[in-house]
Amino acid sequence: MTSLKSLLAVGTLALACTTAFAANTPYGSCSDSAQSYQDRYQSTMRASDLVCYQKALERELGGNSSYACDKSADHYQAAYEANQQSSDLVCYQEALERELQ
């Protein structure tokens, strides 16, 4: 249950910050996917990748992702808990919104 609370907290925080997602950073517009910045940050530990990861995640959680999220929210929740991939987090959010309609 703690993982779900953390997951929802991250999603809520990112959605609350979406008004600033379009702003440029000192590192540019951060137009790559959140997953690509996450992967880079995990290997380089550079602040630029972390800043762009946050900006890209905010953008994608705000509904601007290019992921094909056709599976259930349960599927993406389990995948995120197992792998901690931002693409699964984004798809979890999209699947939840779809299923709650």
N, C-alpha and C. Protein backbone atom coordinates (compact mmCIF):
# COMPACT_ATOMS: atom_id res chain seq x y z
N MET A 1 0.81 -1.19 0.00
CA MET A 1 0.00 0.00 0.00
C MET A 1 0.86 1.26 0.00
N THR A 2 2.03 1.18 0.62
CA THR A 2 2.93 2.33 0.65
C THR A 2 3.36 2.71 -0.77
N SER A 3 3.60 1.71 -1.61
CA SER A 3 3.99 2.00 -3.00
C SER A 3 2.89 2.75 -3.72
N LEU A 4 1.65 2.34 -3.50
CA LEU A 4 0.52 3.01 -4.14
C LEU A 4 0.42 4.45 -3.65
N LYS A 5 0.61 4.67 -2.36
CA LYS A 5 0.56 6.02 -1.82
C LYS A 5 1.66 6.88 -2.43
N SER A 6 2.86 6.32 -2.56
CA SER A 6 3.97 7.05 -3.18
C SER A 6 3.66 7.36 -4.63
N LEU A 7 3.12 6.39 -5.33
CA LEU A 7 2.77 6.55 -6.73
C LEU A 7 1.75 7.66 -6.91
N LEU A 8 0.72 7.65 -6.08
CA LEU A 8 -0.31 8.68 -6.18
C LEU A 8 0.22 10.04 -5.78
N ALA A 9 1.12 10.08 -4.80
CA ALA A 9 1.71 11.35 -4.38
C ALA A 9 2.54 11.96 -5.50
N VAL A 10 3.32 11.14 -6.18
CA VAL A 10 4.12 11.64 -7.31
C VAL A 10 3.22 12.16 -8.41
N GLY A 11 2.18 11.41 -8.73
CA GLY A 11 1.24 11.84 -9.77
C GLY A 11 0.54 13.12 -9.40
N THR A 12 0.11 13.24 -8.17
CA THR A 12 -0.57 14.45 -7.72
C THR A 12 0.35 15.65 -7.76
N LEU A 13 1.58 15.46 -7.28
CA LEU A 13 2.55 16.55 -7.29
C LEU A 13 2.84 17.00 -8.71
N ALA A 14 3.06 16.05 -9.59
CA ALA A 14 3.37 16.41 -10.98
C ALA A 14 2.20 17.11 -11.65
N LEU A 15 0.99 16.65 -11.39
CA LEU A 15 -0.18 17.31 -11.98
C LEU A 15 -0.36 18.72 -11.44
N ALA A 16 -0.03 18.92 -10.18
CA ALA A 16 -0.15 20.25 -9.60
C ALA A 16 0.85 21.23 -10.21
N CYS A 17 1.91 20.69 -10.73
CA CYS A 17 2.98 21.53 -11.29
C CYS A 17 2.88 21.71 -12.80
N THR A 18 1.86 21.20 -13.43
CA THR A 18 1.80 21.21 -14.90
C THR A 18 1.70 22.60 -15.50
N THR A 19 1.32 23.59 -14.74
CA THR A 19 1.21 24.93 -15.32
C THR A 19 2.56 25.48 -15.74
N ALA A 20 3.63 24.96 -15.14
CA ALA A 20 4.96 25.46 -15.48
C ALA A 20 5.69 24.56 -16.46
N PHE A 21 5.05 23.48 -16.94
CA PHE A 21 5.79 22.52 -17.74
C PHE A 21 6.27 23.08 -19.07
N ALA A 22 5.64 24.09 -19.60
CA ALA A 22 6.03 24.60 -20.91
C ALA A 22 7.25 25.51 -20.83
N ALA A 23 7.59 25.95 -19.66
CA ALA A 23 8.71 26.88 -19.51
C ALA A 23 10.03 26.20 -19.84
N ASN A 24 10.92 26.95 -20.46
CA ASN A 24 12.25 26.44 -20.72
C ASN A 24 13.02 26.35 -19.41
N THR A 25 14.04 25.52 -19.43
CA THR A 25 14.93 25.37 -18.29
C THR A 25 16.29 25.90 -18.70
N PRO A 26 17.23 25.99 -17.79
CA PRO A 26 18.59 26.35 -18.20
C PRO A 26 19.18 25.34 -19.18
N TYR A 27 18.54 24.18 -19.32
CA TYR A 27 19.03 23.12 -20.19
C TYR A 27 18.21 22.99 -21.47
N GLY A 28 17.37 23.96 -21.74
CA GLY A 28 16.55 23.92 -22.94
C GLY A 28 15.11 23.56 -22.63
N SER A 29 14.39 23.11 -23.65
CA SER A 29 12.97 22.85 -23.49
C SER A 29 12.65 21.44 -23.00
N CYS A 30 13.64 20.57 -22.91
CA CYS A 30 13.46 19.20 -22.39
C CYS A 30 12.37 18.46 -23.16
N SER A 31 12.53 18.37 -24.45
CA SER A 31 11.47 17.82 -25.31
C SER A 31 11.49 16.29 -25.43
N ASP A 32 12.52 15.61 -24.92
CA ASP A 32 12.53 14.15 -24.96
C ASP A 32 11.52 13.59 -23.95
N SER A 33 11.32 12.29 -23.97
CA SER A 33 10.37 11.66 -23.05
C SER A 33 10.96 11.61 -21.64
N ALA A 34 10.07 11.55 -20.66
CA ALA A 34 10.51 11.42 -19.27
C ALA A 34 11.33 10.15 -19.09
N GLN A 35 10.93 9.09 -19.77
CA GLN A 35 11.65 7.83 -19.64
C GLN A 35 13.09 7.98 -20.12
N SER A 36 13.30 8.71 -21.20
CA SER A 36 14.67 8.87 -21.70
C SER A 36 15.52 9.67 -20.71
N TYR A 37 14.93 10.71 -20.09
CA TYR A 37 15.69 11.47 -19.10
C TYR A 37 15.92 10.63 -17.84
N GLN A 38 14.95 9.81 -17.46
CA GLN A 38 15.12 8.95 -16.30
C GLN A 38 16.29 7.98 -16.54
N ASP A 39 16.30 7.36 -17.72
CA ASP A 39 17.37 6.43 -18.05
C ASP A 39 18.73 7.13 -18.04
N ARG A 40 18.79 8.32 -18.62
CA ARG A 40 20.05 9.06 -18.65
C ARG A 40 20.50 9.45 -17.25
N TYR A 41 19.55 9.93 -16.44
CA TYR A 41 19.91 10.34 -15.09
C TYR A 41 20.44 9.17 -14.28
N GLN A 42 19.85 8.01 -14.45
CA GLN A 42 20.31 6.84 -13.71
C GLN A 42 21.73 6.44 -14.08
N SER A 43 22.16 6.79 -15.28
CA SER A 43 23.54 6.45 -15.66
C SER A 43 24.51 7.61 -15.45
N THR A 44 24.05 8.85 -15.58
CA THR A 44 24.97 10.00 -15.49
C THR A 44 24.92 10.74 -14.16
N MET A 45 23.73 10.71 -13.50
CA MET A 45 23.50 11.45 -12.26
C MET A 45 23.72 12.96 -12.44
N ARG A 46 23.48 13.47 -13.63
CA ARG A 46 23.65 14.89 -13.91
C ARG A 46 22.37 15.65 -13.61
N ALA A 47 22.53 16.83 -13.06
CA ALA A 47 21.39 17.67 -12.70
C ALA A 47 20.55 18.01 -13.92
N SER A 48 21.17 18.20 -15.05
CA SER A 48 20.42 18.56 -16.25
C SER A 48 19.42 17.47 -16.61
N ASP A 49 19.80 16.21 -16.47
CA ASP A 49 18.89 15.11 -16.77
C ASP A 49 17.77 15.03 -15.73
N LEU A 50 18.09 15.34 -14.48
CA LEU A 50 17.06 15.32 -13.44
C LEU A 50 16.04 16.44 -13.65
N VAL A 51 16.52 17.64 -13.98
CA VAL A 51 15.61 18.76 -14.24
C VAL A 51 14.72 18.44 -15.44
N CYS A 52 15.30 17.95 -16.50
CA CYS A 52 14.51 17.63 -17.69
C CYS A 52 13.58 16.46 -17.44
N TYR A 53 13.98 15.51 -16.62
CA TYR A 53 13.09 14.41 -16.25
C TYR A 53 11.83 14.96 -15.58
N GLN A 54 12.02 15.86 -14.62
CA GLN A 54 10.88 16.44 -13.92
C GLN A 54 9.97 17.19 -14.88
N LYS A 55 10.55 18.02 -15.75
CA LYS A 55 9.75 18.78 -16.71
C LYS A 55 8.99 17.86 -17.66
N ALA A 56 9.67 16.84 -18.16
CA ALA A 56 9.03 15.92 -19.10
C ALA A 56 7.93 15.11 -18.40
N LEU A 57 8.17 14.71 -17.16
CA LEU A 57 7.16 13.96 -16.43
C LEU A 57 5.93 14.82 -16.17
N GLU A 58 6.13 16.06 -15.81
CA GLU A 58 5.00 16.98 -15.63
C GLU A 58 4.20 17.11 -16.91
N ARG A 59 4.89 17.26 -18.02
CA ARG A 59 4.23 17.40 -19.32
C ARG A 59 3.42 16.14 -19.64
N GLU A 60 4.03 14.98 -19.45
CA GLU A 60 3.37 13.73 -19.81
C GLU A 60 2.21 13.41 -18.87
N LEU A 61 2.35 13.70 -17.60
CA LEU A 61 1.25 13.47 -16.66
C LEU A 61 0.11 14.46 -16.89
N GLY A 62 0.42 15.56 -17.55
CA GLY A 62 -0.61 16.53 -17.90
C GLY A 62 -1.38 16.16 -19.15
N GLY A 63 -1.09 15.00 -19.72
CA GLY A 63 -1.83 14.52 -20.88
C GLY A 63 -1.10 14.63 -22.20
N ASN A 64 0.16 14.99 -22.17
CA ASN A 64 0.92 15.15 -23.41
C ASN A 64 1.98 14.06 -23.55
N SER A 65 1.55 12.82 -23.58
CA SER A 65 2.51 11.73 -23.76
C SER A 65 2.28 11.06 -25.11
N SER A 66 3.29 10.36 -25.55
CA SER A 66 3.16 9.63 -26.81
C SER A 66 3.13 8.12 -26.57
N TYR A 67 2.90 7.71 -25.33
CA TYR A 67 2.86 6.29 -25.01
C TYR A 67 1.51 5.70 -25.42
N ALA A 68 1.52 4.46 -25.87
CA ALA A 68 0.29 3.72 -26.16
C ALA A 68 -0.09 3.00 -24.87
N CYS A 69 -1.04 3.54 -24.16
CA CYS A 69 -1.41 3.03 -22.83
C CYS A 69 -2.73 2.28 -22.90
N ASP A 70 -2.72 1.13 -23.55
CA ASP A 70 -3.97 0.42 -23.79
C ASP A 70 -4.26 -0.69 -22.79
N LYS A 71 -3.40 -0.87 -21.80
CA LYS A 71 -3.63 -1.90 -20.79
C LYS A 71 -4.34 -1.29 -19.58
N SER A 72 -4.67 -2.11 -18.60
CA SER A 72 -5.42 -1.66 -17.44
C SER A 72 -4.54 -0.89 -16.45
N ALA A 73 -5.19 -0.12 -15.60
CA ALA A 73 -4.47 0.61 -14.55
C ALA A 73 -3.76 -0.39 -13.64
N ASP A 74 -4.40 -1.52 -13.34
CA ASP A 74 -3.75 -2.55 -12.52
C ASP A 74 -2.44 -3.02 -13.14
N HIS A 75 -2.44 -3.21 -14.45
CA HIS A 75 -1.23 -3.65 -15.15
C HIS A 75 -0.11 -2.63 -14.97
N TYR A 76 -0.40 -1.35 -15.21
CA TYR A 76 0.63 -0.32 -15.12
C TYR A 76 1.07 -0.08 -13.68
N GLN A 77 0.15 -0.24 -12.73
CA GLN A 77 0.52 -0.10 -11.32
C GLN A 77 1.54 -1.18 -10.94
N ALA A 78 1.26 -2.42 -11.31
CA ALA A 78 2.18 -3.52 -11.01
C ALA A 78 3.52 -3.32 -11.71
N ALA A 79 3.48 -2.86 -12.95
CA ALA A 79 4.71 -2.64 -13.70
C ALA A 79 5.54 -1.53 -13.06
N TYR A 80 4.88 -0.46 -12.64
CA TYR A 80 5.61 0.64 -11.99
C TYR A 80 6.22 0.19 -10.66
N GLU A 81 5.46 -0.56 -9.89
CA GLU A 81 5.97 -1.03 -8.61
C GLU A 81 7.16 -1.96 -8.79
N ALA A 82 7.17 -2.73 -9.87
CA ALA A 82 8.26 -3.66 -10.13
C ALA A 82 9.50 -2.99 -10.71
N ASN A 83 9.30 -2.00 -11.60
CA ASN A 83 10.42 -1.45 -12.37
C ASN A 83 10.72 0.02 -12.16
N GLN A 84 9.78 0.76 -11.57
CA GLN A 84 9.95 2.19 -11.32
C GLN A 84 10.24 2.99 -12.61
N GLN A 85 9.58 2.61 -13.70
CA GLN A 85 9.77 3.30 -14.98
C GLN A 85 8.71 4.40 -15.11
N SER A 86 9.14 5.59 -15.48
CA SER A 86 8.20 6.70 -15.59
C SER A 86 7.16 6.46 -16.68
N SER A 87 7.49 5.71 -17.70
CA SER A 87 6.50 5.41 -18.74
C SER A 87 5.33 4.63 -18.15
N ASP A 88 5.60 3.74 -17.20
CA ASP A 88 4.52 3.00 -16.54
C ASP A 88 3.70 3.93 -15.65
N LEU A 89 4.35 4.89 -15.03
CA LEU A 89 3.63 5.85 -14.19
C LEU A 89 2.68 6.70 -15.04
N VAL A 90 3.15 7.15 -16.18
CA VAL A 90 2.32 7.95 -17.08
C VAL A 90 1.14 7.12 -17.58
N CYS A 91 1.41 5.89 -17.99
CA CYS A 91 0.33 5.03 -18.47
C CYS A 91 -0.64 4.68 -17.35
N TYR A 92 -0.14 4.53 -16.15
CA TYR A 92 -1.02 4.28 -15.00
C TYR A 92 -2.01 5.43 -14.85
N GLN A 93 -1.49 6.65 -14.91
CA GLN A 93 -2.34 7.84 -14.80
C GLN A 93 -3.38 7.88 -15.92
N GLU A 94 -2.95 7.63 -17.16
CA GLU A 94 -3.87 7.65 -18.29
C GLU A 94 -4.92 6.56 -18.18
N ALA A 95 -4.50 5.36 -17.76
CA ALA A 95 -5.45 4.25 -17.62
C ALA A 95 -6.45 4.55 -16.50
N LEU A 96 -5.99 5.12 -15.41
CA LEU A 96 -6.90 5.48 -14.33
C LEU A 96 -7.96 6.48 -14.81
N GLU A 97 -7.51 7.49 -15.51
CA GLU A 97 -8.45 8.50 -16.02
C GLU A 97 -9.47 7.87 -16.96
N ARG A 98 -8.99 6.97 -17.82
CA ARG A 98 -9.87 6.29 -18.77
C ARG A 98 -10.88 5.41 -18.02
N GLU A 99 -10.42 4.67 -17.04
CA GLU A 99 -11.30 3.75 -16.32
C GLU A 99 -12.27 4.45 -15.40
N LEU A 100 -11.93 5.65 -14.96
CA LEU A 100 -12.82 6.39 -14.07
C LEU A 100 -13.93 7.14 -14.82
N GLN A 101 -13.86 7.17 -16.12
CA GLN A 101 -14.89 7.87 -16.90
C GLN A 101 -16.15 7.07 -17.00
